[in-house]
Structures are given as structure tokens and as C-alpha cells.
Amino acid sequence: MTQRHESILLHFIVRTFLAPFIMLFALYVLVHGEASPGGGFQGGAIFAAGVIISRLSLGLTKDSYSFLSRKTLIIFACLGLGTFTAMGVAGVLFGSSFLDYGAVPLAWLDYIWPGDLGQRQMGIFIIEGGIALGVFATIILLFDFLTFESHGED
């Protein structure tokens, strides 16, 4: 599908209903990943699917790149990897092993986000967020390079 599909109904359904509900489900999978099946990888992949389906409905035009450019996606992928690595190394810096969330002093976050969240749960959530961001950006970059490469888009 290299041309924009001319159906107004398709654009309305994809942009108004399908893509936002896919992204909302991705957020649900990400947030509930520590207590149920799901997590960072699954949430990032589902979120990327919402963006990809939106790009597919637009075809190979400049409009399909208006939401997320390749440079932005590369920055997101690096931020995701950096978040994961920083959280893993933080455990080592605070005297424990790699990816030991309990050693990282995150109790101050209870003042910002009150509730019964321990240090491990906050560490897991930070790790899942980093993984989701990295997977999200990487899947969309793969889609862009495999689909749009022959059209000279930057």
C-alpha cells in the first residue's frame, strides 16, 4: 500500500477509534505488567501497532511522518535503552547486584505518587517504561526502514 487510501470512513475509523483504543490497551498492558501478563515489551509492541496502523492508512506520504520522525524515534529508542541501563546500574551503585530494584532509594516517590508502592514496584515500573519506549521506537523504525526506504524519506 503505497498510496493514501481515499476512504474517508477508513480514516475516521482508524484515526478516531482504532488507533486510540489500541494505544489505550497498550497503556493498560504496560501499567498492569507487574501483576498480570504483559509489561514493557508487550506494551511497547502494541503501542507501535497503533502508530503503524495509523501510518498505513495514510500511505507513503509526508503526512505519515508528521507524528514521529526517524530522528525522534532514534532518540526514543536511546532513551528507552538508557533508562533500562541506568536503573540496572543504579542497583550496583547502591551496593547490590545489577537490576536489584530494592537497593535503589525510591521511597521519595511515595510523596509524589502516594500509595502502597514499594521500591521494587517503582523500579519495575521504571524498567518497564524504558523497555516499552525502546521497543515502541525500534518497531516503528523497523517498519519505516522496511517499508519507506525506497522512497527517500528522511
N, C-alpha and C. Protein backbone atom coordinates (compact mmCIF):
# COMPACT_ATOMS: atom_id res chain seq x y z
N MET A 1 0.85 -1.18 0.00
CA MET A 1 0.00 0.00 0.00
C MET A 1 0.89 1.23 0.00
N THR A 2 1.10 1.78 -1.18
CA THR A 2 1.99 2.93 -1.29
C THR A 2 1.23 4.24 -1.41
N GLN A 3 -0.03 4.20 -1.75
CA GLN A 3 -0.83 5.41 -1.92
C GLN A 3 -1.79 5.55 -0.76
N ARG A 4 -2.12 6.78 -0.46
CA ARG A 4 -3.10 7.07 0.58
C ARG A 4 -4.46 6.54 0.14
N HIS A 5 -5.11 5.82 1.04
CA HIS A 5 -6.43 5.30 0.73
C HIS A 5 -7.43 6.45 0.81
N GLU A 6 -8.29 6.54 -0.17
CA GLU A 6 -9.18 7.69 -0.28
C GLU A 6 -10.46 7.59 0.54
N SER A 7 -10.67 6.50 1.24
CA SER A 7 -11.90 6.33 2.00
C SER A 7 -11.89 7.22 3.25
N ILE A 8 -12.82 8.12 3.31
CA ILE A 8 -12.95 8.99 4.48
C ILE A 8 -13.38 8.18 5.69
N LEU A 9 -14.21 7.18 5.46
CA LEU A 9 -14.68 6.32 6.54
C LEU A 9 -13.51 5.55 7.16
N LEU A 10 -12.59 5.05 6.32
CA LEU A 10 -11.42 4.34 6.84
C LEU A 10 -10.57 5.25 7.71
N HIS A 11 -10.31 6.46 7.25
CA HIS A 11 -9.50 7.40 8.04
C HIS A 11 -10.20 7.75 9.35
N PHE A 12 -11.50 7.93 9.29
CA PHE A 12 -12.25 8.26 10.50
C PHE A 12 -12.19 7.11 11.51
N ILE A 13 -12.42 5.89 11.04
CA ILE A 13 -12.40 4.73 11.94
C ILE A 13 -11.01 4.51 12.52
N VAL A 14 -9.98 4.55 11.67
CA VAL A 14 -8.62 4.28 12.14
C VAL A 14 -8.15 5.37 13.08
N ARG A 15 -8.29 6.61 12.68
CA ARG A 15 -7.76 7.72 13.48
C ARG A 15 -8.58 8.03 14.72
N THR A 16 -9.88 7.84 14.66
CA THR A 16 -10.74 8.22 15.78
C THR A 16 -10.96 7.08 16.76
N PHE A 17 -11.09 5.87 16.27
CA PHE A 17 -11.42 4.76 17.15
C PHE A 17 -10.30 3.74 17.31
N LEU A 18 -9.84 3.19 16.21
CA LEU A 18 -8.94 2.05 16.27
C LEU A 18 -7.59 2.39 16.91
N ALA A 19 -6.89 3.37 16.39
CA ALA A 19 -5.55 3.70 16.92
C ALA A 19 -5.60 4.16 18.39
N PRO A 20 -6.52 5.05 18.78
CA PRO A 20 -6.55 5.43 20.20
C PRO A 20 -6.88 4.27 21.15
N PHE A 21 -7.79 3.38 20.74
CA PHE A 21 -8.11 2.24 21.61
C PHE A 21 -6.95 1.26 21.68
N ILE A 22 -6.21 1.08 20.60
CA ILE A 22 -5.03 0.23 20.63
C ILE A 22 -4.00 0.82 21.59
N MET A 23 -3.81 2.13 21.55
CA MET A 23 -2.83 2.78 22.43
C MET A 23 -3.28 2.75 23.89
N LEU A 24 -4.57 2.87 24.11
CA LEU A 24 -5.09 2.76 25.48
C LEU A 24 -4.88 1.35 26.02
N PHE A 25 -5.12 0.35 25.19
CA PHE A 25 -4.87 -1.03 25.61
C PHE A 25 -3.38 -1.25 25.89
N ALA A 26 -2.51 -0.64 25.09
CA ALA A 26 -1.07 -0.74 25.33
C ALA A 26 -0.69 -0.14 26.67
N LEU A 27 -1.30 0.97 27.02
CA LEU A 27 -1.05 1.58 28.33
C LEU A 27 -1.52 0.67 29.46
N TYR A 28 -2.67 0.03 29.26
CA TYR A 28 -3.18 -0.92 30.26
C TYR A 28 -2.22 -2.09 30.43
N VAL A 29 -1.74 -2.64 29.33
CA VAL A 29 -0.80 -3.78 29.39
C VAL A 29 0.49 -3.35 30.08
N LEU A 30 0.95 -2.15 29.81
CA LEU A 30 2.18 -1.65 30.43
C LEU A 30 2.01 -1.45 31.93
N VAL A 31 0.94 -0.80 32.34
CA VAL A 31 0.75 -0.47 33.75
C VAL A 31 0.48 -1.72 34.60
N HIS A 32 -0.24 -2.66 34.05
CA HIS A 32 -0.57 -3.87 34.81
C HIS A 32 0.41 -5.00 34.56
N GLY A 33 1.54 -4.71 33.97
CA GLY A 33 2.51 -5.73 33.62
C GLY A 33 3.19 -6.39 34.79
N GLU A 34 3.30 -5.72 35.91
CA GLU A 34 3.98 -6.32 37.05
C GLU A 34 3.10 -7.31 37.80
N ALA A 35 1.78 -7.20 37.64
CA ALA A 35 0.87 -8.05 38.39
C ALA A 35 0.12 -9.05 37.50
N SER A 36 0.20 -8.88 36.20
CA SER A 36 -0.52 -9.77 35.28
C SER A 36 0.34 -9.94 34.02
N PRO A 37 -0.08 -10.82 33.11
CA PRO A 37 0.71 -10.98 31.88
C PRO A 37 0.80 -9.66 31.12
N GLY A 38 1.96 -9.37 30.66
CA GLY A 38 2.19 -8.12 29.94
C GLY A 38 3.44 -7.46 30.46
N GLY A 39 3.60 -6.22 30.15
CA GLY A 39 4.77 -5.50 30.60
C GLY A 39 5.31 -4.59 29.53
N GLY A 40 6.59 -4.31 29.62
CA GLY A 40 7.21 -3.33 28.75
C GLY A 40 7.26 -3.75 27.29
N PHE A 41 7.68 -4.98 27.03
CA PHE A 41 7.80 -5.41 25.64
C PHE A 41 6.43 -5.46 24.97
N GLN A 42 5.48 -6.10 25.63
CA GLN A 42 4.15 -6.23 25.05
C GLN A 42 3.48 -4.87 24.89
N GLY A 43 3.59 -4.02 25.90
CA GLY A 43 3.00 -2.69 25.81
C GLY A 43 3.62 -1.85 24.70
N GLY A 44 4.95 -1.91 24.57
CA GLY A 44 5.61 -1.17 23.50
C GLY A 44 5.24 -1.67 22.12
N ALA A 45 5.11 -3.00 21.98
CA ALA A 45 4.74 -3.56 20.69
C ALA A 45 3.31 -3.20 20.30
N ILE A 46 2.41 -3.23 21.26
CA ILE A 46 1.01 -2.87 20.98
C ILE A 46 0.91 -1.38 20.66
N PHE A 47 1.64 -0.55 21.39
CA PHE A 47 1.61 0.88 21.12
C PHE A 47 2.15 1.18 19.72
N ALA A 48 3.22 0.47 19.33
CA ALA A 48 3.77 0.65 17.98
C ALA A 48 2.76 0.22 16.93
N ALA A 49 1.99 -0.82 17.21
CA ALA A 49 0.97 -1.27 16.27
C ALA A 49 -0.08 -0.18 16.03
N GLY A 50 -0.41 0.57 17.08
CA GLY A 50 -1.35 1.68 16.91
C GLY A 50 -0.82 2.77 16.00
N VAL A 51 0.47 3.08 16.13
CA VAL A 51 1.07 4.08 15.26
C VAL A 51 1.21 3.55 13.84
N ILE A 52 1.60 2.29 13.70
CA ILE A 52 1.78 1.71 12.37
C ILE A 52 0.47 1.64 11.62
N ILE A 53 -0.61 1.27 12.29
CA ILE A 53 -1.90 1.20 11.59
C ILE A 53 -2.34 2.59 11.15
N SER A 54 -2.00 3.59 11.92
CA SER A 54 -2.30 4.96 11.52
C SER A 54 -1.47 5.36 10.30
N ARG A 55 -0.19 4.98 10.29
CA ARG A 55 0.66 5.29 9.13
C ARG A 55 0.22 4.54 7.89
N LEU A 56 -0.23 3.31 8.07
CA LEU A 56 -0.68 2.53 6.91
C LEU A 56 -1.91 3.15 6.26
N SER A 57 -2.78 3.74 7.07
CA SER A 57 -3.99 4.35 6.48
C SER A 57 -3.65 5.61 5.70
N LEU A 58 -2.51 6.25 6.04
CA LEU A 58 -2.12 7.46 5.32
C LEU A 58 -1.33 7.16 4.05
N GLY A 59 -0.76 5.98 3.93
CA GLY A 59 0.06 5.65 2.77
C GLY A 59 1.46 6.23 2.91
N LEU A 60 2.23 6.16 1.83
CA LEU A 60 3.61 6.63 1.87
C LEU A 60 3.68 8.11 1.51
N THR A 61 3.25 8.94 2.42
CA THR A 61 3.27 10.38 2.21
C THR A 61 4.01 11.04 3.36
N LYS A 62 4.25 12.33 3.20
CA LYS A 62 4.88 13.09 4.29
C LYS A 62 3.97 13.17 5.50
N ASP A 63 2.64 13.05 5.30
CA ASP A 63 1.71 13.10 6.42
C ASP A 63 1.94 11.95 7.40
N SER A 64 2.36 10.82 6.89
CA SER A 64 2.57 9.66 7.76
C SER A 64 3.78 9.86 8.67
N TYR A 65 4.66 10.79 8.34
CA TYR A 65 5.82 11.09 9.18
C TYR A 65 5.61 12.30 10.08
N SER A 66 4.49 12.94 9.99
CA SER A 66 4.29 14.17 10.77
C SER A 66 4.20 13.88 12.26
N PHE A 67 3.77 12.68 12.63
CA PHE A 67 3.62 12.37 14.06
C PHE A 67 4.96 12.05 14.71
N LEU A 68 5.73 11.15 14.12
CA LEU A 68 7.03 10.76 14.68
C LEU A 68 8.04 10.61 13.55
N SER A 69 9.07 11.44 13.57
CA SER A 69 10.11 11.35 12.56
C SER A 69 11.13 10.27 12.95
N ARG A 70 12.00 9.92 12.04
CA ARG A 70 13.02 8.91 12.34
C ARG A 70 13.99 9.40 13.41
N LYS A 71 14.33 10.66 13.37
CA LYS A 71 15.25 11.19 14.38
C LYS A 71 14.64 11.13 15.77
N THR A 72 13.37 11.45 15.86
CA THR A 72 12.67 11.37 17.15
C THR A 72 12.61 9.93 17.63
N LEU A 73 12.35 9.00 16.74
CA LEU A 73 12.28 7.59 17.12
C LEU A 73 13.64 7.06 17.57
N ILE A 74 14.71 7.51 16.95
CA ILE A 74 16.04 7.08 17.38
C ILE A 74 16.33 7.62 18.79
N ILE A 75 15.92 8.85 19.04
CA ILE A 75 16.09 9.42 20.39
C ILE A 75 15.28 8.63 21.41
N PHE A 76 14.03 8.26 21.06
CA PHE A 76 13.19 7.47 21.96
C PHE A 76 13.82 6.10 22.23
N ALA A 77 14.35 5.47 21.21
CA ALA A 77 14.99 4.15 21.39
C ALA A 77 16.19 4.27 22.32
N CYS A 78 16.98 5.32 22.15
CA CYS A 78 18.14 5.52 23.02
C CYS A 78 17.72 5.85 24.45
N LEU A 79 16.65 6.63 24.61
CA LEU A 79 16.14 6.94 25.95
C LEU A 79 15.63 5.68 26.65
N GLY A 80 14.96 4.81 25.91
CA GLY A 80 14.47 3.57 26.49
C GLY A 80 15.61 2.68 26.95
N LEU A 81 16.62 2.52 26.10
CA LEU A 81 17.79 1.73 26.46
C LEU A 81 18.54 2.37 27.62
N GLY A 82 18.65 3.69 27.60
CA GLY A 82 19.34 4.40 28.68
C GLY A 82 18.62 4.28 30.02
N THR A 83 17.29 4.32 29.99
CA THR A 83 16.51 4.15 31.22
C THR A 83 16.72 2.77 31.82
N PHE A 84 16.64 1.75 30.96
CA PHE A 84 16.87 0.38 31.42
C PHE A 84 18.27 0.22 32.01
N THR A 85 19.27 0.71 31.30
CA THR A 85 20.66 0.58 31.75
C THR A 85 20.91 1.36 33.04
N ALA A 86 20.38 2.59 33.10
CA ALA A 86 20.59 3.41 34.30
C ALA A 86 19.95 2.78 35.53
N MET A 87 18.77 2.21 35.37
CA MET A 87 18.11 1.56 36.51
C MET A 87 18.87 0.30 36.93
N GLY A 88 19.42 -0.41 35.95
CA GLY A 88 20.20 -1.60 36.29
C GLY A 88 21.50 -1.27 36.99
N VAL A 89 22.17 -0.24 36.50
CA VAL A 89 23.45 0.16 37.10
C VAL A 89 23.22 0.84 38.46
N ALA A 90 22.08 1.46 38.66
CA ALA A 90 21.78 2.10 39.94
C ALA A 90 21.81 1.09 41.08
N GLY A 91 21.33 -0.12 40.81
CA GLY A 91 21.41 -1.16 41.84
C GLY A 91 22.84 -1.47 42.23
N VAL A 92 23.73 -1.50 41.25
CA VAL A 92 25.15 -1.76 41.52
C VAL A 92 25.76 -0.60 42.29
N LEU A 93 25.40 0.63 41.92
CA LEU A 93 25.96 1.80 42.60
C LEU A 93 25.51 1.91 44.06
N PHE A 94 24.36 1.35 44.38
CA PHE A 94 23.88 1.38 45.76
C PHE A 94 24.20 0.11 46.52
N GLY A 95 25.16 -0.66 46.01
CA GLY A 95 25.71 -1.77 46.77
C GLY A 95 25.02 -3.10 46.61
N SER A 96 24.32 -3.31 45.55
CA SER A 96 23.66 -4.59 45.32
C SER A 96 24.03 -5.10 43.93
N SER A 97 23.22 -5.98 43.39
CA SER A 97 23.52 -6.53 42.07
C SER A 97 22.79 -5.76 40.98
N PHE A 98 23.14 -6.09 39.73
CA PHE A 98 22.54 -5.44 38.57
C PHE A 98 21.04 -5.74 38.55
N LEU A 99 20.23 -4.71 38.31
CA LEU A 99 18.76 -4.79 38.26
C LEU A 99 18.12 -5.19 39.59
N ASP A 100 18.78 -4.91 40.71
CA ASP A 100 18.16 -5.13 42.01
C ASP A 100 17.47 -3.83 42.41
N TYR A 101 16.16 -3.78 42.20
CA TYR A 101 15.40 -2.55 42.42
C TYR A 101 15.28 -2.20 43.90
N GLY A 102 15.35 -3.19 44.76
CA GLY A 102 15.19 -2.93 46.19
C GLY A 102 16.30 -2.10 46.79
N ALA A 103 17.46 -2.08 46.18
CA ALA A 103 18.59 -1.31 46.71
C ALA A 103 18.53 0.16 46.33
N VAL A 104 17.76 0.48 45.31
CA VAL A 104 17.69 1.87 44.83
C VAL A 104 16.72 2.64 45.71
N PRO A 105 17.15 3.77 46.29
CA PRO A 105 16.26 4.52 47.19
C PRO A 105 15.19 5.30 46.42
N LEU A 106 14.05 4.67 46.22
CA LEU A 106 12.94 5.31 45.51
C LEU A 106 11.77 5.62 46.45
N ALA A 107 12.00 5.60 47.74
CA ALA A 107 10.92 5.86 48.69
C ALA A 107 10.40 7.29 48.58
N TRP A 108 11.21 8.21 48.09
CA TRP A 108 10.78 9.60 47.95
C TRP A 108 9.65 9.73 46.93
N LEU A 109 9.51 8.76 46.04
CA LEU A 109 8.42 8.81 45.07
C LEU A 109 7.05 8.61 45.72
N ASP A 110 7.03 8.04 46.94
CA ASP A 110 5.75 7.87 47.63
C ASP A 110 5.12 9.22 47.99
N TYR A 111 5.94 10.26 48.10
CA TYR A 111 5.39 11.60 48.38
C TYR A 111 4.74 12.18 47.12
N ILE A 112 5.29 11.87 45.97
CA ILE A 112 4.74 12.38 44.71
C ILE A 112 3.54 11.56 44.27
N TRP A 113 3.66 10.23 44.36
CA TRP A 113 2.62 9.31 43.92
C TRP A 113 2.25 8.44 45.11
N PRO A 114 1.31 8.92 45.97
CA PRO A 114 1.02 8.20 47.21
C PRO A 114 0.36 6.85 46.93
N GLY A 115 0.57 5.96 47.85
CA GLY A 115 0.00 4.63 47.75
C GLY A 115 0.95 3.63 48.35
N ASP A 116 0.59 2.39 48.24
CA ASP A 116 1.41 1.33 48.82
C ASP A 116 2.36 0.78 47.76
N LEU A 117 3.18 1.65 47.22
CA LEU A 117 4.15 1.23 46.22
C LEU A 117 5.52 1.13 46.88
N GLY A 118 6.10 -0.04 46.80
CA GLY A 118 7.42 -0.23 47.36
C GLY A 118 8.50 0.15 46.37
N GLN A 119 9.72 0.02 46.83
CA GLN A 119 10.84 0.35 45.97
C GLN A 119 10.93 -0.60 44.78
N ARG A 120 10.65 -1.86 45.00
CA ARG A 120 10.71 -2.82 43.90
C ARG A 120 9.66 -2.53 42.84
N GLN A 121 8.44 -2.20 43.25
CA GLN A 121 7.39 -1.92 42.28
C GLN A 121 7.72 -0.68 41.45
N MET A 122 8.27 0.34 42.08
CA MET A 122 8.63 1.54 41.34
C MET A 122 9.81 1.25 40.40
N GLY A 123 10.75 0.44 40.84
CA GLY A 123 11.86 0.06 39.98
C GLY A 123 11.38 -0.74 38.78
N ILE A 124 10.46 -1.67 39.02
CA ILE A 124 9.90 -2.46 37.92
C ILE A 124 9.16 -1.55 36.94
N PHE A 125 8.40 -0.61 37.45
CA PHE A 125 7.65 0.29 36.57
C PHE A 125 8.59 1.15 35.73
N ILE A 126 9.68 1.62 36.31
CA ILE A 126 10.65 2.42 35.56
C ILE A 126 11.31 1.56 34.47
N ILE A 127 11.68 0.33 34.82
CA ILE A 127 12.27 -0.58 33.84
C ILE A 127 11.28 -0.87 32.72
N GLU A 128 10.01 -1.16 33.06
CA GLU A 128 9.01 -1.45 32.04
C GLU A 128 8.77 -0.25 31.14
N GLY A 129 8.78 0.94 31.70
CA GLY A 129 8.63 2.15 30.87
C GLY A 129 9.77 2.31 29.88
N GLY A 130 10.99 2.05 30.35
CA GLY A 130 12.14 2.13 29.45
C GLY A 130 12.10 1.09 28.35
N ILE A 131 11.72 -0.13 28.72
CA ILE A 131 11.61 -1.19 27.72
C ILE A 131 10.51 -0.86 26.71
N ALA A 132 9.38 -0.39 27.21
CA ALA A 132 8.26 -0.05 26.31
C ALA A 132 8.66 1.04 25.33
N LEU A 133 9.35 2.06 25.82
CA LEU A 133 9.77 3.15 24.94
C LEU A 133 10.76 2.65 23.89
N GLY A 134 11.71 1.82 24.30
CA GLY A 134 12.68 1.29 23.35
C GLY A 134 12.06 0.37 22.32
N VAL A 135 11.18 -0.52 22.74
CA VAL A 135 10.53 -1.45 21.82
C VAL A 135 9.61 -0.69 20.87
N PHE A 136 8.86 0.27 21.40
CA PHE A 136 7.96 1.09 20.59
C PHE A 136 8.73 1.77 19.45
N ALA A 137 9.80 2.44 19.80
CA ALA A 137 10.58 3.17 18.79
C ALA A 137 11.27 2.23 17.81
N THR A 138 11.78 1.12 18.30
CA THR A 138 12.50 0.20 17.44
C THR A 138 11.57 -0.46 16.42
N ILE A 139 10.38 -0.86 16.84
CA ILE A 139 9.44 -1.50 15.91
C ILE A 139 9.00 -0.52 14.83
N ILE A 140 8.74 0.72 15.20
CA ILE A 140 8.33 1.71 14.19
C ILE A 140 9.50 2.02 13.26
N LEU A 141 10.73 2.09 13.79
CA LEU A 141 11.89 2.30 12.93
C LEU A 141 12.07 1.14 11.95
N LEU A 142 11.90 -0.07 12.42
CA LEU A 142 11.98 -1.23 11.52
C LEU A 142 10.92 -1.15 10.44
N PHE A 143 9.71 -0.80 10.81
CA PHE A 143 8.64 -0.66 9.84
C PHE A 143 8.99 0.42 8.81
N ASP A 144 9.48 1.56 9.28
CA ASP A 144 9.84 2.65 8.38
C ASP A 144 10.95 2.25 7.41
N PHE A 145 11.98 1.60 7.93
CA PHE A 145 13.10 1.22 7.06
C PHE A 145 12.70 0.13 6.08
N LEU A 146 11.85 -0.79 6.48
CA LEU A 146 11.44 -1.86 5.59
C LEU A 146 10.39 -1.41 4.58
N THR A 147 9.61 -0.42 4.92
CA THR A 147 8.51 -0.01 4.06
C THR A 147 8.82 1.24 3.26
N PHE A 148 9.40 2.25 3.88
CA PHE A 148 9.53 3.56 3.26
C PHE A 148 10.91 3.83 2.70
N GLU A 149 11.85 2.91 2.83
CA GLU A 149 13.24 3.18 2.46
C GLU A 149 13.40 3.54 0.99
N SER A 150 12.67 2.93 0.11
CA SER A 150 12.85 3.17 -1.32
C SER A 150 12.30 4.51 -1.76
N HIS A 151 11.64 5.23 -0.85
CA HIS A 151 11.02 6.50 -1.22
C HIS A 151 11.82 7.72 -0.78
N GLY A 152 13.00 7.50 -0.19
CA GLY A 152 13.91 8.60 0.11
C GLY A 152 13.47 9.51 1.23
N GLU A 153 12.68 9.04 2.15
CA GLU A 153 12.21 9.87 3.27
C GLU A 153 13.29 9.94 4.33
N ASP A 154 13.46 11.10 4.94
CA ASP A 154 14.45 11.27 6.00
C ASP A 154 13.83 11.09 7.35
